[in-house]
């Protein structure tokens, strides 16, 4: 009998969100809609400019896989998260978010000297999120932070695509993926961001290897990874690396492949405020569904409503009580 629904591996990041104008990107040479890695000095300079010009909108725990596990835990799932944080206030803030939301973690091996990861999330009036990330000690996450016993007691091992930017992290998730396969644990992966498949595609493919059981991505990432210009062609390419997959389509909903059939999931109409965390929420809600007795289509509906709800406000996470309302609506 398994102890955890999902064992996740990812970066430990704290988000600082700002509402900005597109002109800010032009002024500072920032590529809109992408996650860009920066060093500490670059981020400190940009943070100073953002605070002076716009002021901080919200601070929240982040990290792609961490956001997904937060969602899963709030719907009632059990999760374990392997990550790396520093002995600083930012690290304390990140870990408090996990502890308060019933996500177990590798507390004996994760604290390090240095600075914890931070992400500056810039949201434009069209609700698009653009990110500048300093990974800090998370850049050195390695096999040392992995918990094989917890992984073995999980239904799914979830790999964050952002980890391919670090050689030590990439090696760790490849080894953990092999461990999962050897122990009959299902493997899942998210592409995380268009930048990963555009600038680190070889590393992404190295992690994919012979494939995964479940893959999450958005339409842009799918087509960019496959090198095609239609979603139909992208799906055919994805079938060579994923037994099942879920592709988010923005305002058009999402497209699932359950291994045999395609399933169209209708969108929920909302006023979009901030797209940060939409894909993370989708993956977390979906994995909760499939590990807790819901079929593929119902899991997709849950994920669709959850992601629609999160983009209607600022930040990548919802309040705990909001998850119960979402689940109730889907199961009604």
Protein backbone atom coordinates (compact mmCIF):
# COMPACT_ATOMS: atom_id res chain seq x y z
CA UNK A 1 0.00 0.00 0.00
CA UNK A 2 1.37 3.43 -0.95
CA UNK A 3 1.84 6.29 1.51
CA UNK A 4 1.92 9.14 -1.01
CA UNK A 5 -0.08 9.93 -4.12
CA UNK A 6 2.81 11.89 -5.64
CA UNK A 7 6.53 12.18 -4.94
CA UNK A 8 7.71 15.42 -6.56
CA UNK A 9 11.14 16.84 -7.31
CA UNK A 10 11.60 20.51 -8.11
CA UNK A 11 13.08 23.89 -7.38
CA UNK A 12 12.24 25.67 -4.12
CA UNK A 13 11.30 29.20 -5.18
CA UNK A 14 9.52 32.13 -3.53
CA UNK A 15 7.62 34.36 -5.97
CA UNK A 16 7.41 38.14 -5.83
CA UNK A 17 4.67 39.38 -8.15
CA UNK A 18 4.40 42.78 -9.83
CA UNK A 19 1.83 44.31 -12.17
CA UNK A 20 3.81 45.91 -14.98
CA UNK A 21 3.44 47.49 -18.41
CA UNK A 22 4.94 46.01 -21.58
CA UNK A 23 7.20 49.04 -21.85
CA UNK A 24 9.13 47.74 -18.82
CA UNK A 25 10.25 44.72 -20.85
CA UNK A 26 11.42 46.90 -23.74
CA UNK A 27 13.31 49.18 -21.37
CA UNK A 28 15.13 46.30 -19.67
CA UNK A 29 15.52 43.89 -22.59
CA UNK A 30 13.24 41.19 -21.13
CA UNK A 31 11.65 38.47 -23.29
CA UNK A 32 7.93 38.52 -22.57
CA UNK A 33 6.09 35.34 -21.60
CA UNK A 34 9.23 33.38 -20.80
CA UNK A 35 11.16 32.31 -17.71
CA UNK A 36 14.72 33.60 -17.82
CA UNK A 37 17.47 32.58 -15.42
CA UNK A 38 19.48 35.49 -14.00
CA UNK A 39 22.27 35.87 -11.48
CA UNK A 40 21.86 37.45 -8.07
CA UNK A 41 23.10 40.92 -9.07
CA UNK A 42 20.79 41.05 -12.09
CA UNK A 43 17.80 40.09 -9.98
CA UNK A 44 18.62 42.54 -7.19
CA UNK A 45 18.84 45.36 -9.74
CA UNK A 46 15.56 44.39 -11.41
CA UNK A 47 13.81 43.95 -8.05
CA UNK A 48 14.86 47.48 -7.08
CA UNK A 49 13.47 48.84 -10.37
CA UNK A 50 10.18 46.97 -9.97
CA UNK A 51 9.64 48.14 -6.40
CA UNK A 52 10.42 51.74 -7.30
CA UNK A 53 8.21 51.74 -10.39
CA UNK A 54 5.27 49.49 -9.50
CA UNK A 55 5.43 48.24 -5.92
CA UNK A 56 5.04 44.62 -4.81
CA UNK A 57 1.64 43.03 -5.51
CA UNK A 58 2.07 39.68 -3.76
CA UNK A 59 4.63 37.34 -2.21
CA UNK A 60 3.95 33.62 -2.26
CA UNK A 61 5.61 30.23 -2.19
CA UNK A 62 6.35 29.05 -5.71
CA UNK A 63 8.24 26.56 -7.80
CA UNK A 64 6.44 24.63 -10.52
CA UNK A 65 6.26 21.20 -8.89
CA UNK A 66 5.77 22.71 -5.42
CA UNK A 67 2.71 24.60 -6.68
CA UNK A 68 1.31 21.37 -8.13
CA UNK A 69 1.84 19.45 -4.90
CA UNK A 70 0.28 22.30 -2.91
CA UNK A 71 -2.86 21.97 -5.05
CA UNK A 72 -2.89 18.18 -4.72
CA UNK A 73 -2.52 18.42 -0.94
CA UNK A 74 -5.37 20.92 -0.64
CA UNK A 75 -7.73 18.69 -2.58
CA UNK A 76 -6.92 15.97 -0.07
CA UNK A 77 -3.95 14.16 -1.63
CA UNK A 78 -0.73 13.04 0.04
CA UNK A 79 2.58 14.38 -1.24
CA UNK A 80 6.32 14.34 -0.61
CA UNK A 81 8.60 17.01 -2.09
CA UNK A 82 12.37 16.83 -2.57
CA UNK A 83 13.99 20.25 -2.87
CA UNK A 84 16.87 22.43 -1.63
CA UNK A 85 16.67 25.71 0.27
CA UNK A 86 19.12 27.91 2.14
CA UNK A 87 19.31 28.75 5.82
CA UNK A 88 17.66 32.12 5.26
CA UNK A 89 14.31 33.84 5.74
CA UNK A 90 13.25 33.05 2.18
CA UNK A 91 13.90 29.37 2.81
CA UNK A 92 11.93 29.51 6.06
CA UNK A 93 9.00 31.13 4.22
CA UNK A 94 9.04 28.45 1.52
CA UNK A 95 9.15 25.55 4.00
CA UNK A 96 6.40 27.03 6.16
CA UNK A 97 4.17 26.90 3.08
CA UNK A 98 4.86 23.20 2.68
CA UNK A 99 4.42 22.37 6.36
CA UNK A 100 1.16 24.22 6.69
CA UNK A 101 -0.22 22.39 3.69
CA UNK A 102 0.66 18.82 4.62
CA UNK A 103 3.48 18.27 2.15
CA UNK A 104 6.28 16.20 3.64
CA UNK A 105 9.81 17.08 2.58
CA UNK A 106 13.47 16.12 2.96
CA UNK A 107 14.11 18.24 6.07
CA UNK A 108 17.31 16.39 6.99
CA UNK A 109 19.17 17.18 3.78
CA UNK A 110 17.76 20.32 2.21
CA UNK A 111 19.18 23.30 4.18
CA UNK A 112 22.38 24.83 2.79
CA UNK A 113 24.52 27.93 3.18
CA UNK A 114 23.74 30.64 0.65
CA UNK A 115 20.51 32.12 -0.67
CA UNK A 116 17.20 30.45 -1.46
CA UNK A 117 15.65 30.74 -4.90
CA UNK A 118 13.50 33.74 -5.78
CA UNK A 119 11.42 34.52 -8.84
CA UNK A 120 10.28 37.94 -9.99
CA UNK A 121 6.91 37.43 -11.67
CA UNK A 122 5.84 40.32 -13.88
CA UNK A 123 2.20 40.34 -14.94
CA UNK A 124 1.11 42.57 -17.83
CA UNK A 125 -2.43 43.89 -18.46
CA UNK A 126 -3.09 40.95 -20.83
CA UNK A 127 -2.52 38.64 -17.79
CA UNK A 128 0.62 37.10 -19.32
CA UNK A 129 3.32 36.20 -16.80
CA UNK A 130 7.02 36.82 -17.44
CA UNK A 131 9.60 35.56 -14.96
CA UNK A 132 13.17 36.31 -13.98
CA UNK A 133 14.52 33.62 -11.67
CA UNK A 134 17.57 33.37 -9.46
CA UNK A 135 17.80 29.74 -8.35
CA UNK A 136 20.25 30.26 -5.49
CA UNK A 137 21.09 26.99 -3.72
CA UNK A 138 18.33 25.22 -5.66
CA UNK A 139 20.64 25.27 -8.67
CA UNK A 140 22.74 22.62 -6.89
CA UNK A 141 19.97 20.19 -6.05
CA UNK A 142 21.36 16.69 -6.49
CA UNK A 143 20.83 13.06 -5.64
CA UNK A 144 21.71 13.99 -2.03
CA UNK A 145 18.28 15.63 -1.62
CA UNK A 146 16.37 12.62 -2.93
CA UNK A 147 14.43 10.29 -0.62
CA UNK A 148 14.30 6.83 -2.15
CA UNK A 149 12.14 5.33 0.61
CA UNK A 150 9.44 8.00 0.15
CA UNK A 151 9.62 7.66 -3.62
CA UNK A 152 9.08 3.92 -3.34
CA UNK A 153 5.90 4.53 -1.33
CA UNK A 154 4.34 6.76 -4.01
CA UNK A 155 1.93 6.17 -6.86
CA UNK A 156 3.50 8.77 -9.17
CA UNK A 157 6.95 10.34 -9.39
CA UNK A 158 6.60 13.90 -10.74
CA UNK A 159 9.57 15.62 -12.43
CA UNK A 160 9.77 19.39 -12.92
CA UNK A 161 11.02 20.48 -16.34
CA UNK A 162 12.84 23.50 -14.93
CA UNK A 163 15.39 21.13 -13.37
CA UNK A 164 17.01 20.42 -16.75
CA UNK A 165 18.91 23.73 -16.53
CA UNK A 166 21.18 22.29 -13.79
CA UNK A 167 23.53 19.39 -14.54
CA UNK A 168 23.31 18.01 -11.00
CA UNK A 169 19.52 18.31 -10.93
CA UNK A 170 19.17 16.74 -14.37
CA UNK A 171 21.34 13.79 -13.32
CA UNK A 172 19.29 13.38 -10.14
CA UNK A 173 15.91 13.25 -11.87
CA UNK A 174 17.23 10.86 -14.52
CA UNK A 175 18.43 8.52 -11.74
CA UNK A 176 15.14 8.89 -9.86
CA UNK A 177 13.16 8.21 -13.02
CA UNK A 178 15.12 4.98 -13.51
CA UNK A 179 14.44 4.08 -9.88
CA UNK A 180 10.72 4.68 -10.39
CA UNK A 181 10.61 2.46 -13.45
CA UNK A 182 12.52 -0.32 -11.64
CA UNK A 183 10.00 -0.16 -8.78
CA UNK A 184 6.82 0.03 -10.88
CA UNK A 185 6.11 3.66 -9.94
CA UNK A 186 4.42 5.71 -12.65
CA UNK A 187 6.47 8.63 -13.99
CA UNK A 188 5.10 12.07 -14.84
CA UNK A 189 6.83 15.17 -16.13
CA UNK A 190 5.95 18.76 -16.93
CA UNK A 191 7.73 20.85 -19.55
CA UNK A 192 7.19 23.77 -17.11
CA UNK A 193 7.85 26.67 -19.52
CA UNK A 194 8.33 27.39 -23.25
CA UNK A 195 11.93 28.39 -22.50
CA UNK A 196 12.75 24.84 -21.44
CA UNK A 197 11.84 23.31 -24.80
CA UNK A 198 13.26 26.25 -26.77
CA UNK A 199 16.65 26.63 -25.09
CA UNK A 200 17.15 23.30 -23.27
CA UNK A 201 15.43 20.85 -25.60
CA UNK A 202 18.32 18.37 -25.66
CA UNK A 203 18.30 18.24 -21.87
CA UNK A 204 14.52 17.79 -21.81
CA UNK A 205 14.82 14.89 -24.23
CA UNK A 206 17.61 13.38 -22.16
CA UNK A 207 15.27 13.28 -19.15
CA UNK A 208 12.38 11.95 -21.24
CA UNK A 209 14.62 9.14 -22.46
CA UNK A 210 12.41 6.23 -23.52
CA UNK A 211 9.38 8.15 -22.29
CA UNK A 212 7.12 8.80 -19.31
CA UNK A 213 3.71 7.56 -18.29
CA UNK A 214 2.17 11.04 -18.15
CA UNK A 215 3.28 14.37 -19.61
CA UNK A 216 1.93 17.87 -18.96
CA UNK A 217 2.49 20.84 -21.27
CA UNK A 218 0.70 23.73 -22.94
CA UNK A 219 -0.01 24.05 -26.64
CA UNK A 220 2.96 26.34 -27.31
CA UNK A 221 5.37 24.02 -25.51
CA UNK A 222 4.04 20.95 -27.30
CA UNK A 223 4.47 22.43 -30.76
CA UNK A 224 7.84 23.97 -29.92
CA UNK A 225 9.14 20.66 -28.58
CA UNK A 226 7.86 18.72 -31.59
CA UNK A 227 9.04 21.33 -34.10
CA UNK A 228 5.61 21.49 -35.76
CA UNK A 229 2.98 24.16 -36.30
CA UNK A 230 -0.23 22.24 -35.54
CA UNK A 231 -1.49 20.70 -32.33
CA UNK A 232 -2.45 17.54 -34.23
CA UNK A 233 1.14 16.97 -35.34
CA UNK A 234 2.41 17.77 -31.85
CA UNK A 235 0.11 15.12 -30.38
CA UNK A 236 1.47 12.48 -32.72
CA UNK A 237 5.01 13.38 -31.66
CA UNK A 238 4.09 13.33 -27.96
CA UNK A 239 2.74 9.79 -28.33
CA UNK A 240 6.30 8.62 -28.99
CA UNK A 241 7.41 9.81 -25.53
CA UNK A 242 4.33 9.71 -23.32
CA UNK A 243 1.79 6.94 -22.76
CA UNK A 244 -0.70 9.61 -21.68
CA UNK A 245 -0.63 13.40 -21.78
CA UNK A 246 -2.54 16.56 -21.00
CA UNK A 247 -2.17 19.71 -23.11
CA UNK A 248 -3.63 22.98 -21.87
CA UNK A 249 -5.06 25.23 -24.59
CA UNK A 250 -5.64 28.48 -22.71
CA UNK A 251 -9.12 29.88 -23.33
CA UNK A 252 -9.96 26.81 -25.45
CA UNK A 253 -9.74 24.38 -22.53
CA UNK A 254 -7.48 21.35 -22.68
CA UNK A 255 -6.83 18.16 -24.65
CA UNK A 256 -6.19 14.84 -22.93
CA UNK A 257 -4.89 11.56 -24.31
CA UNK A 258 -5.64 8.61 -22.04
CA UNK A 259 -3.52 6.12 -23.99
CA UNK A 260 -6.30 5.18 -26.38
CA UNK A 261 -8.59 8.13 -26.97
CA UNK A 262 -8.49 11.92 -27.04
CA UNK A 263 -10.72 13.76 -24.60
CA UNK A 264 -11.65 17.42 -25.08
CA UNK A 265 -12.11 19.36 -21.83
CA UNK A 266 -14.21 22.50 -22.11
CA UNK A 267 -12.86 25.73 -20.64
CA UNK A 268 -14.46 27.63 -17.78
CA UNK A 269 -15.13 31.24 -18.67
CA UNK A 270 -13.42 33.65 -16.24
CA UNK A 271 -11.83 37.07 -16.32
CA UNK A 272 -8.12 36.27 -16.51
CA UNK A 273 -5.98 38.38 -14.18
CA UNK A 274 -2.72 36.44 -13.83
CA UNK A 275 -1.66 33.27 -15.67
CA UNK A 276 1.17 32.51 -13.24
CA UNK A 277 0.69 28.99 -11.87
CA UNK A 278 -2.09 27.96 -14.25
CA UNK A 279 -0.22 24.94 -15.61
CA UNK A 280 1.01 23.99 -12.15
CA UNK A 281 -2.52 24.04 -10.79
CA UNK A 282 -3.78 21.98 -13.72
CA UNK A 283 -1.16 19.29 -13.13
CA UNK A 284 -1.72 19.18 -9.37
CA UNK A 285 -5.49 18.92 -9.63
CA UNK A 286 -5.26 16.35 -12.40
CA UNK A 287 -2.83 14.14 -10.47
CA UNK A 288 -5.08 14.38 -7.42
CA UNK A 289 -7.96 13.12 -9.55
CA UNK A 290 -6.25 10.14 -11.13
CA UNK A 291 -4.70 9.00 -7.83
CA UNK A 292 -7.96 9.32 -5.89
CA UNK A 293 -10.46 7.38 -7.92
CA UNK A 294 -11.56 9.90 -10.58
CA UNK A 295 -11.50 8.91 -14.24
CA UNK A 296 -9.41 10.77 -16.83
CA UNK A 297 -12.24 13.01 -18.04
CA UNK A 298 -13.40 14.00 -14.54
CA UNK A 299 -9.81 14.66 -13.52
CA UNK A 300 -9.53 16.92 -16.54
CA UNK A 301 -12.67 18.83 -15.57
CA UNK A 302 -11.34 19.29 -12.05
CA UNK A 303 -8.01 20.53 -13.40
CA UNK A 304 -9.73 22.88 -15.84
CA UNK A 305 -11.91 24.51 -13.17
CA UNK A 306 -9.00 24.75 -10.73
CA UNK A 307 -6.71 26.43 -13.25
CA UNK A 308 -9.49 28.79 -14.34
CA UNK A 309 -10.00 29.77 -10.72
CA UNK A 310 -6.32 30.42 -10.06
CA UNK A 311 -5.90 32.70 -13.10
CA UNK A 312 -8.80 34.86 -11.92
CA UNK A 313 -6.64 36.24 -9.09
CA UNK A 314 -3.01 37.04 -8.36
CA UNK A 315 -0.53 34.37 -7.37
CA UNK A 316 0.05 30.70 -8.27
CA UNK A 317 -1.94 29.20 -5.39
CA UNK A 318 -5.50 29.31 -4.06
CA UNK A 319 -6.65 29.57 -0.47
CA UNK A 320 -7.23 26.16 1.19
CA UNK A 321 -11.02 26.50 1.34
CA UNK A 322 -11.28 27.27 -2.39
CA UNK A 323 -10.16 23.75 -3.29
CA UNK A 324 -13.07 22.16 -1.47
CA UNK A 325 -15.55 24.36 -3.36
CA UNK A 326 -13.97 23.44 -6.70
CA UNK A 327 -14.08 19.72 -5.93
CA UNK A 328 -17.70 19.99 -4.80
CA UNK A 329 -18.74 21.69 -8.07
CA UNK A 330 -17.04 19.09 -10.24
CA UNK A 331 -18.44 16.11 -8.35
CA UNK A 332 -21.96 17.52 -8.00
